[in-house]
Amino acid sequence: MIRKCDIAHLERYGEIYAAAFSGEPWNDPWKREDAEVHVRELLESRTAYGLEYVEDGVVAGFILGTSMLFHYGRTFEINDLAVDPAYQRRGIGSALLRRMLDDLRTQGICAVHLITAGEGALPELYARFGFKRETEVMLMGMEI
């Protein structure tokens, strides 16, 4: 079952996020408490929209992002798509992404963006849904 994210499930989202992003391809050393703060900050954003996937009464994964208005229309950035490693490779991520994109179309969103690993299975997953590498913009960053 897919339904809207619920802040009451924040602790579970933190568990899922920390477990998912601590593994391949990211290998980031997330602590559950920090992941909870990360997800809370997104959920509490005024333009947040997210969905959770529930299997046998357990939240197995979630997708979450925020929208922003530009001169050409409202865009949406998928900030997080995370599936508990115990539930991965069952199509849960694809189901969440498919439903999210359908919902965003009905909400009048004109474009969807995301940042993902540059190699491996993730770019292939997103390409199957119509995402492509941007050629007109690039991600820039710096450590401070």
N, C-alpha and C. Protein backbone atom coordinates (compact mmCIF):
# COMPACT_ATOMS: atom_id res chain seq x y z
N MET A 1 0.84 -1.16 0.00
CA MET A 1 0.00 0.00 0.00
C MET A 1 0.90 1.24 0.00
N ILE A 2 0.54 2.21 -0.82
CA ILE A 2 1.26 3.48 -0.85
C ILE A 2 0.31 4.56 -0.33
N ARG A 3 0.83 5.37 0.59
CA ARG A 3 0.04 6.46 1.15
C ARG A 3 0.97 7.63 1.46
N LYS A 4 0.38 8.77 1.78
CA LYS A 4 1.17 9.97 2.09
C LYS A 4 2.04 9.73 3.32
N CYS A 5 3.21 10.35 3.31
CA CYS A 5 4.09 10.29 4.48
C CYS A 5 3.38 10.89 5.69
N ASP A 6 3.71 10.37 6.84
CA ASP A 6 3.11 10.81 8.10
C ASP A 6 4.24 11.07 9.09
N ILE A 7 4.32 12.27 9.61
CA ILE A 7 5.40 12.62 10.54
C ILE A 7 5.41 11.71 11.76
N ALA A 8 4.30 11.06 12.05
CA ALA A 8 4.26 10.11 13.16
C ALA A 8 5.20 8.92 12.90
N HIS A 9 5.58 8.71 11.64
CA HIS A 9 6.47 7.61 11.27
C HIS A 9 7.92 8.08 11.12
N LEU A 10 8.23 9.25 11.66
CA LEU A 10 9.56 9.84 11.51
C LEU A 10 10.68 8.92 11.97
N GLU A 11 10.50 8.27 13.10
CA GLU A 11 11.55 7.38 13.61
C GLU A 11 11.83 6.26 12.60
N ARG A 12 10.76 5.69 12.03
CA ARG A 12 10.94 4.62 11.04
C ARG A 12 11.63 5.16 9.79
N TYR A 13 11.26 6.36 9.34
CA TYR A 13 11.92 6.95 8.18
C TYR A 13 13.41 7.13 8.45
N GLY A 14 13.75 7.55 9.67
CA GLY A 14 15.16 7.70 10.03
C GLY A 14 15.91 6.38 9.98
N GLU A 15 15.27 5.32 10.47
CA GLU A 15 15.88 3.98 10.41
C GLU A 15 16.13 3.57 8.97
N ILE A 16 15.10 3.74 8.14
CA ILE A 16 15.22 3.35 6.73
C ILE A 16 16.30 4.16 6.04
N TYR A 17 16.28 5.47 6.24
CA TYR A 17 17.25 6.35 5.58
C TYR A 17 18.67 5.97 5.97
N ALA A 18 18.92 5.83 7.28
CA ALA A 18 20.27 5.51 7.75
C ALA A 18 20.73 4.17 7.18
N ALA A 19 19.86 3.19 7.17
CA ALA A 19 20.25 1.87 6.66
C ALA A 19 20.48 1.90 5.15
N ALA A 20 19.59 2.55 4.42
CA ALA A 20 19.69 2.57 2.96
C ALA A 20 20.91 3.35 2.47
N PHE A 21 21.17 4.51 3.06
CA PHE A 21 22.26 5.34 2.57
C PHE A 21 23.61 4.99 3.19
N SER A 22 23.62 4.10 4.18
CA SER A 22 24.88 3.60 4.71
C SER A 22 25.42 2.46 3.85
N GLY A 23 24.57 1.93 2.96
CA GLY A 23 24.99 0.85 2.08
C GLY A 23 25.31 1.35 0.69
N GLU A 24 25.48 0.41 -0.24
CA GLU A 24 25.79 0.73 -1.64
C GLU A 24 24.66 1.49 -2.28
N PRO A 25 24.90 2.44 -3.15
CA PRO A 25 26.21 2.85 -3.64
C PRO A 25 26.82 3.99 -2.82
N TRP A 26 26.10 4.47 -1.81
CA TRP A 26 26.52 5.67 -1.09
C TRP A 26 27.59 5.41 -0.05
N ASN A 27 27.38 4.39 0.77
CA ASN A 27 28.31 4.06 1.86
C ASN A 27 28.57 5.25 2.79
N ASP A 28 27.52 6.02 3.05
CA ASP A 28 27.63 7.16 3.96
C ASP A 28 27.35 6.69 5.39
N PRO A 29 28.15 7.12 6.36
CA PRO A 29 27.98 6.63 7.74
C PRO A 29 26.86 7.36 8.49
N TRP A 30 25.62 7.18 8.06
CA TRP A 30 24.48 7.86 8.70
C TRP A 30 24.17 7.25 10.05
N LYS A 31 23.90 8.11 11.01
CA LYS A 31 23.34 7.70 12.30
C LYS A 31 21.83 7.90 12.18
N ARG A 32 21.06 7.02 12.82
CA ARG A 32 19.60 7.12 12.74
C ARG A 32 19.11 8.48 13.21
N GLU A 33 19.69 9.00 14.28
CA GLU A 33 19.25 10.27 14.83
C GLU A 33 19.45 11.41 13.82
N ASP A 34 20.59 11.40 13.13
CA ASP A 34 20.86 12.43 12.12
C ASP A 34 19.93 12.28 10.93
N ALA A 35 19.66 11.04 10.55
CA ALA A 35 18.75 10.79 9.43
C ALA A 35 17.35 11.28 9.78
N GLU A 36 16.94 11.11 11.03
CA GLU A 36 15.64 11.61 11.49
C GLU A 36 15.56 13.12 11.35
N VAL A 37 16.60 13.82 11.74
CA VAL A 37 16.63 15.28 11.61
C VAL A 37 16.52 15.66 10.14
N HIS A 38 17.28 14.99 9.29
CA HIS A 38 17.25 15.25 7.85
C HIS A 38 15.83 15.11 7.30
N VAL A 39 15.19 14.01 7.61
CA VAL A 39 13.84 13.76 7.10
C VAL A 39 12.84 14.74 7.71
N ARG A 40 12.96 15.03 8.99
CA ARG A 40 12.05 15.99 9.64
C ARG A 40 12.13 17.34 8.95
N GLU A 41 13.34 17.81 8.66
CA GLU A 41 13.50 19.11 8.01
C GLU A 41 12.78 19.14 6.67
N LEU A 42 12.84 18.05 5.92
CA LEU A 42 12.12 18.00 4.65
C LEU A 42 10.62 17.94 4.87
N LEU A 43 10.18 17.06 5.75
CA LEU A 43 8.74 16.90 6.00
C LEU A 43 8.10 18.19 6.49
N GLU A 44 8.84 18.98 7.25
CA GLU A 44 8.28 20.21 7.80
C GLU A 44 8.32 21.38 6.82
N SER A 45 8.93 21.18 5.66
CA SER A 45 8.94 22.23 4.65
C SER A 45 7.51 22.45 4.15
N ARG A 46 7.16 23.70 3.92
CA ARG A 46 5.81 24.05 3.49
C ARG A 46 5.44 23.41 2.15
N THR A 47 6.43 23.13 1.31
CA THR A 47 6.14 22.57 -0.02
C THR A 47 6.50 21.10 -0.13
N ALA A 48 6.68 20.44 1.02
CA ALA A 48 7.04 19.02 1.01
C ALA A 48 5.89 18.15 0.52
N TYR A 49 6.27 17.08 -0.17
CA TYR A 49 5.31 16.05 -0.55
C TYR A 49 6.04 14.72 -0.50
N GLY A 50 5.44 13.75 0.15
CA GLY A 50 6.09 12.45 0.25
C GLY A 50 5.10 11.32 0.36
N LEU A 51 5.58 10.15 0.01
CA LEU A 51 4.79 8.93 0.05
C LEU A 51 5.57 7.84 0.77
N GLU A 52 4.85 6.97 1.45
CA GLU A 52 5.46 5.81 2.08
C GLU A 52 4.86 4.54 1.52
N TYR A 53 5.65 3.48 1.53
CA TYR A 53 5.21 2.16 1.07
C TYR A 53 5.09 1.28 2.30
N VAL A 54 3.91 0.71 2.50
CA VAL A 54 3.65 -0.12 3.66
C VAL A 54 3.40 -1.55 3.20
N GLU A 55 4.12 -2.49 3.78
CA GLU A 55 3.95 -3.90 3.47
C GLU A 55 3.73 -4.65 4.78
N ASP A 56 2.64 -5.37 4.87
CA ASP A 56 2.30 -6.12 6.09
C ASP A 56 2.37 -5.26 7.34
N GLY A 57 1.89 -4.01 7.23
CA GLY A 57 1.83 -3.11 8.36
C GLY A 57 3.15 -2.43 8.71
N VAL A 58 4.19 -2.66 7.91
CA VAL A 58 5.51 -2.09 8.19
C VAL A 58 5.86 -1.10 7.08
N VAL A 59 6.31 0.10 7.45
CA VAL A 59 6.79 1.05 6.46
C VAL A 59 8.11 0.50 5.93
N ALA A 60 8.13 0.18 4.63
CA ALA A 60 9.30 -0.44 4.01
C ALA A 60 10.15 0.56 3.23
N GLY A 61 9.57 1.71 2.88
CA GLY A 61 10.32 2.71 2.13
C GLY A 61 9.52 3.99 2.00
N PHE A 62 10.20 5.03 1.52
CA PHE A 62 9.52 6.31 1.33
C PHE A 62 10.23 7.12 0.25
N ILE A 63 9.48 8.07 -0.31
CA ILE A 63 10.01 9.03 -1.27
C ILE A 63 9.55 10.40 -0.81
N LEU A 64 10.43 11.39 -0.90
CA LEU A 64 10.13 12.69 -0.30
C LEU A 64 10.86 13.78 -1.05
N GLY A 65 10.18 14.90 -1.25
CA GLY A 65 10.81 16.04 -1.90
C GLY A 65 10.04 17.32 -1.65
N THR A 66 10.49 18.37 -2.30
CA THR A 66 9.88 19.69 -2.15
C THR A 66 9.74 20.35 -3.52
N SER A 67 8.79 21.28 -3.60
CA SER A 67 8.59 22.00 -4.86
C SER A 67 9.00 23.45 -4.71
N MET A 68 9.23 24.08 -5.86
CA MET A 68 9.63 25.49 -5.87
C MET A 68 9.11 26.12 -7.16
N LEU A 69 8.62 27.33 -7.05
CA LEU A 69 8.09 28.05 -8.19
C LEU A 69 9.19 28.80 -8.93
N PHE A 70 9.23 28.64 -10.25
CA PHE A 70 10.13 29.38 -11.12
C PHE A 70 9.28 30.13 -12.13
N HIS A 71 9.90 30.96 -12.95
CA HIS A 71 9.16 31.76 -13.93
C HIS A 71 8.42 30.89 -14.94
N TYR A 72 8.86 29.68 -15.15
CA TYR A 72 8.25 28.79 -16.14
C TYR A 72 7.30 27.77 -15.52
N GLY A 73 7.15 27.79 -14.21
CA GLY A 73 6.23 26.89 -13.54
C GLY A 73 6.84 26.28 -12.28
N ARG A 74 6.06 25.46 -11.61
CA ARG A 74 6.49 24.83 -10.36
C ARG A 74 7.24 23.54 -10.68
N THR A 75 8.44 23.41 -10.09
CA THR A 75 9.24 22.20 -10.25
C THR A 75 9.29 21.45 -8.93
N PHE A 76 9.68 20.21 -9.00
CA PHE A 76 9.76 19.37 -7.80
C PHE A 76 11.13 18.71 -7.78
N GLU A 77 11.75 18.72 -6.60
CA GLU A 77 13.02 18.01 -6.44
C GLU A 77 12.79 16.82 -5.53
N ILE A 78 13.08 15.64 -6.05
CA ILE A 78 13.04 14.45 -5.22
C ILE A 78 14.32 14.46 -4.40
N ASN A 79 14.17 14.67 -3.11
CA ASN A 79 15.33 14.72 -2.23
C ASN A 79 15.75 13.33 -1.77
N ASP A 80 14.78 12.48 -1.50
CA ASP A 80 15.10 11.16 -0.95
C ASP A 80 14.16 10.09 -1.48
N LEU A 81 14.73 8.98 -1.85
CA LEU A 81 14.01 7.75 -2.14
C LEU A 81 14.79 6.67 -1.41
N ALA A 82 14.20 6.11 -0.37
CA ALA A 82 14.91 5.15 0.47
C ALA A 82 14.02 3.95 0.74
N VAL A 83 14.60 2.77 0.59
CA VAL A 83 13.91 1.51 0.89
C VAL A 83 14.76 0.74 1.88
N ASP A 84 14.14 0.25 2.92
CA ASP A 84 14.82 -0.58 3.91
C ASP A 84 15.55 -1.70 3.16
N PRO A 85 16.85 -1.90 3.44
CA PRO A 85 17.59 -2.96 2.74
C PRO A 85 16.91 -4.33 2.79
N ALA A 86 16.18 -4.63 3.86
CA ALA A 86 15.48 -5.92 3.96
C ALA A 86 14.35 -6.04 2.95
N TYR A 87 13.92 -4.93 2.36
CA TYR A 87 12.81 -4.92 1.42
C TYR A 87 13.25 -4.54 0.00
N GLN A 88 14.54 -4.34 -0.21
CA GLN A 88 15.01 -3.92 -1.52
C GLN A 88 14.90 -5.04 -2.54
N ARG A 89 14.92 -4.64 -3.80
CA ARG A 89 14.85 -5.55 -4.95
C ARG A 89 13.49 -6.24 -5.08
N ARG A 90 12.45 -5.54 -4.59
CA ARG A 90 11.08 -6.05 -4.71
C ARG A 90 10.21 -5.10 -5.54
N GLY A 91 10.81 -4.05 -6.09
CA GLY A 91 10.05 -3.09 -6.89
C GLY A 91 9.42 -1.97 -6.08
N ILE A 92 9.76 -1.87 -4.80
CA ILE A 92 9.17 -0.85 -3.94
C ILE A 92 9.60 0.55 -4.37
N GLY A 93 10.89 0.74 -4.65
CA GLY A 93 11.37 2.03 -5.10
C GLY A 93 10.70 2.45 -6.40
N SER A 94 10.57 1.52 -7.32
CA SER A 94 9.91 1.82 -8.60
C SER A 94 8.44 2.17 -8.39
N ALA A 95 7.77 1.44 -7.51
CA ALA A 95 6.36 1.72 -7.24
C ALA A 95 6.19 3.12 -6.63
N LEU A 96 7.07 3.47 -5.70
CA LEU A 96 7.00 4.81 -5.08
C LEU A 96 7.28 5.89 -6.12
N LEU A 97 8.28 5.68 -6.95
CA LEU A 97 8.62 6.67 -7.97
C LEU A 97 7.50 6.84 -8.98
N ARG A 98 6.94 5.73 -9.42
CA ARG A 98 5.82 5.78 -10.39
C ARG A 98 4.64 6.56 -9.82
N ARG A 99 4.26 6.24 -8.60
CA ARG A 99 3.13 6.92 -7.96
C ARG A 99 3.42 8.40 -7.74
N MET A 100 4.65 8.71 -7.29
CA MET A 100 5.04 10.10 -7.08
C MET A 100 4.91 10.88 -8.38
N LEU A 101 5.44 10.36 -9.47
CA LEU A 101 5.38 11.06 -10.75
C LEU A 101 3.95 11.26 -11.21
N ASP A 102 3.10 10.25 -11.03
CA ASP A 102 1.68 10.38 -11.38
C ASP A 102 1.03 11.49 -10.56
N ASP A 103 1.30 11.50 -9.26
CA ASP A 103 0.73 12.53 -8.38
C ASP A 103 1.21 13.93 -8.78
N LEU A 104 2.49 14.05 -9.07
CA LEU A 104 3.05 15.36 -9.43
C LEU A 104 2.44 15.88 -10.73
N ARG A 105 2.20 14.99 -11.68
CA ARG A 105 1.54 15.42 -12.92
C ARG A 105 0.16 16.00 -12.64
N THR A 106 -0.59 15.36 -11.77
CA THR A 106 -1.94 15.85 -11.46
C THR A 106 -1.91 17.14 -10.66
N GLN A 107 -0.78 17.40 -9.97
CA GLN A 107 -0.63 18.63 -9.20
C GLN A 107 -0.15 19.79 -10.07
N GLY A 108 0.12 19.54 -11.34
CA GLY A 108 0.55 20.60 -12.24
C GLY A 108 2.04 20.90 -12.20
N ILE A 109 2.83 20.02 -11.63
CA ILE A 109 4.28 20.20 -11.61
C ILE A 109 4.80 20.10 -13.04
N CYS A 110 5.68 21.03 -13.44
CA CYS A 110 6.15 21.05 -14.84
C CYS A 110 7.46 20.31 -15.05
N ALA A 111 8.24 20.05 -14.00
CA ALA A 111 9.51 19.34 -14.14
C ALA A 111 9.88 18.71 -12.80
N VAL A 112 10.63 17.62 -12.87
CA VAL A 112 11.09 16.92 -11.68
C VAL A 112 12.60 16.74 -11.81
N HIS A 113 13.31 17.00 -10.71
CA HIS A 113 14.77 16.88 -10.70
C HIS A 113 15.18 16.01 -9.51
N LEU A 114 16.37 15.45 -9.61
CA LEU A 114 16.94 14.71 -8.50
C LEU A 114 18.44 14.64 -8.68
N ILE A 115 19.13 14.36 -7.60
CA ILE A 115 20.57 14.12 -7.62
C ILE A 115 20.77 12.67 -7.22
N THR A 116 21.60 11.95 -7.97
CA THR A 116 21.85 10.56 -7.65
C THR A 116 23.30 10.22 -7.96
N ALA A 117 23.68 9.00 -7.64
CA ALA A 117 25.03 8.53 -7.95
C ALA A 117 25.23 8.59 -9.46
N GLY A 118 26.44 8.91 -9.88
CA GLY A 118 26.72 9.06 -11.31
C GLY A 118 26.91 7.75 -12.04
N GLU A 119 27.11 6.67 -11.33
CA GLU A 119 27.33 5.36 -11.95
C GLU A 119 26.54 4.30 -11.20
N GLY A 120 26.51 3.12 -11.76
CA GLY A 120 25.83 2.01 -11.11
C GLY A 120 24.38 1.89 -11.53
N ALA A 121 23.59 1.25 -10.71
CA ALA A 121 22.20 0.92 -11.03
C ALA A 121 21.25 2.11 -10.95
N LEU A 122 21.54 3.09 -10.12
CA LEU A 122 20.58 4.18 -9.91
C LEU A 122 20.32 5.02 -11.16
N PRO A 123 21.35 5.46 -11.90
CA PRO A 123 21.03 6.20 -13.13
C PRO A 123 20.17 5.38 -14.10
N GLU A 124 20.41 4.08 -14.15
CA GLU A 124 19.62 3.20 -15.02
C GLU A 124 18.17 3.14 -14.55
N LEU A 125 17.95 3.06 -13.25
CA LEU A 125 16.59 3.05 -12.71
C LEU A 125 15.86 4.32 -13.11
N TYR A 126 16.47 5.46 -12.86
CA TYR A 126 15.80 6.73 -13.16
C TYR A 126 15.61 6.92 -14.66
N ALA A 127 16.54 6.45 -15.47
CA ALA A 127 16.40 6.56 -16.93
C ALA A 127 15.17 5.80 -17.41
N ARG A 128 14.86 4.68 -16.79
CA ARG A 128 13.66 3.91 -17.17
C ARG A 128 12.37 4.71 -16.96
N PHE A 129 12.44 5.71 -16.08
CA PHE A 129 11.27 6.55 -15.82
C PHE A 129 11.30 7.85 -16.62
N GLY A 130 12.30 8.01 -17.49
CA GLY A 130 12.36 9.18 -18.34
C GLY A 130 13.33 10.26 -17.89
N PHE A 131 14.01 10.06 -16.78
CA PHE A 131 15.01 11.04 -16.35
C PHE A 131 16.22 10.94 -17.26
N LYS A 132 16.88 12.07 -17.49
CA LYS A 132 18.10 12.06 -18.29
C LYS A 132 19.11 13.00 -17.65
N ARG A 133 20.35 12.79 -18.00
CA ARG A 133 21.41 13.66 -17.49
C ARG A 133 21.19 15.06 -18.01
N GLU A 134 21.30 16.03 -17.14
CA GLU A 134 21.17 17.43 -17.53
C GLU A 134 22.40 17.84 -18.33
N THR A 135 22.20 18.61 -19.37
CA THR A 135 23.33 19.11 -20.15
C THR A 135 23.44 20.62 -20.07
N GLU A 136 22.38 21.28 -19.63
CA GLU A 136 22.39 22.74 -19.59
C GLU A 136 22.81 23.31 -18.25
N VAL A 137 22.80 22.48 -17.22
CA VAL A 137 23.21 22.94 -15.89
C VAL A 137 24.17 21.91 -15.29
N MET A 138 24.90 22.30 -14.30
CA MET A 138 25.75 21.35 -13.60
C MET A 138 25.67 21.63 -12.11
N LEU A 139 25.90 20.59 -11.36
CA LEU A 139 25.93 20.71 -9.91
C LEU A 139 27.32 21.19 -9.51
N MET A 140 27.35 22.25 -8.74
CA MET A 140 28.62 22.77 -8.24
C MET A 140 28.56 22.78 -6.72
N GLY A 141 29.67 22.67 -6.07
CA GLY A 141 29.68 22.68 -4.62
C GLY A 141 31.05 23.02 -4.09
N MET A 142 31.11 23.28 -2.80
CA MET A 142 32.37 23.53 -2.12
C MET A 142 32.21 23.21 -0.65
N GLU A 143 33.28 22.79 -0.05
CA GLU A 143 33.27 22.56 1.39
C GLU A 143 33.70 23.83 2.08
N ILE A 144 33.04 24.15 3.19
CA ILE A 144 33.42 25.35 3.94
C ILE A 144 33.71 25.01 5.39
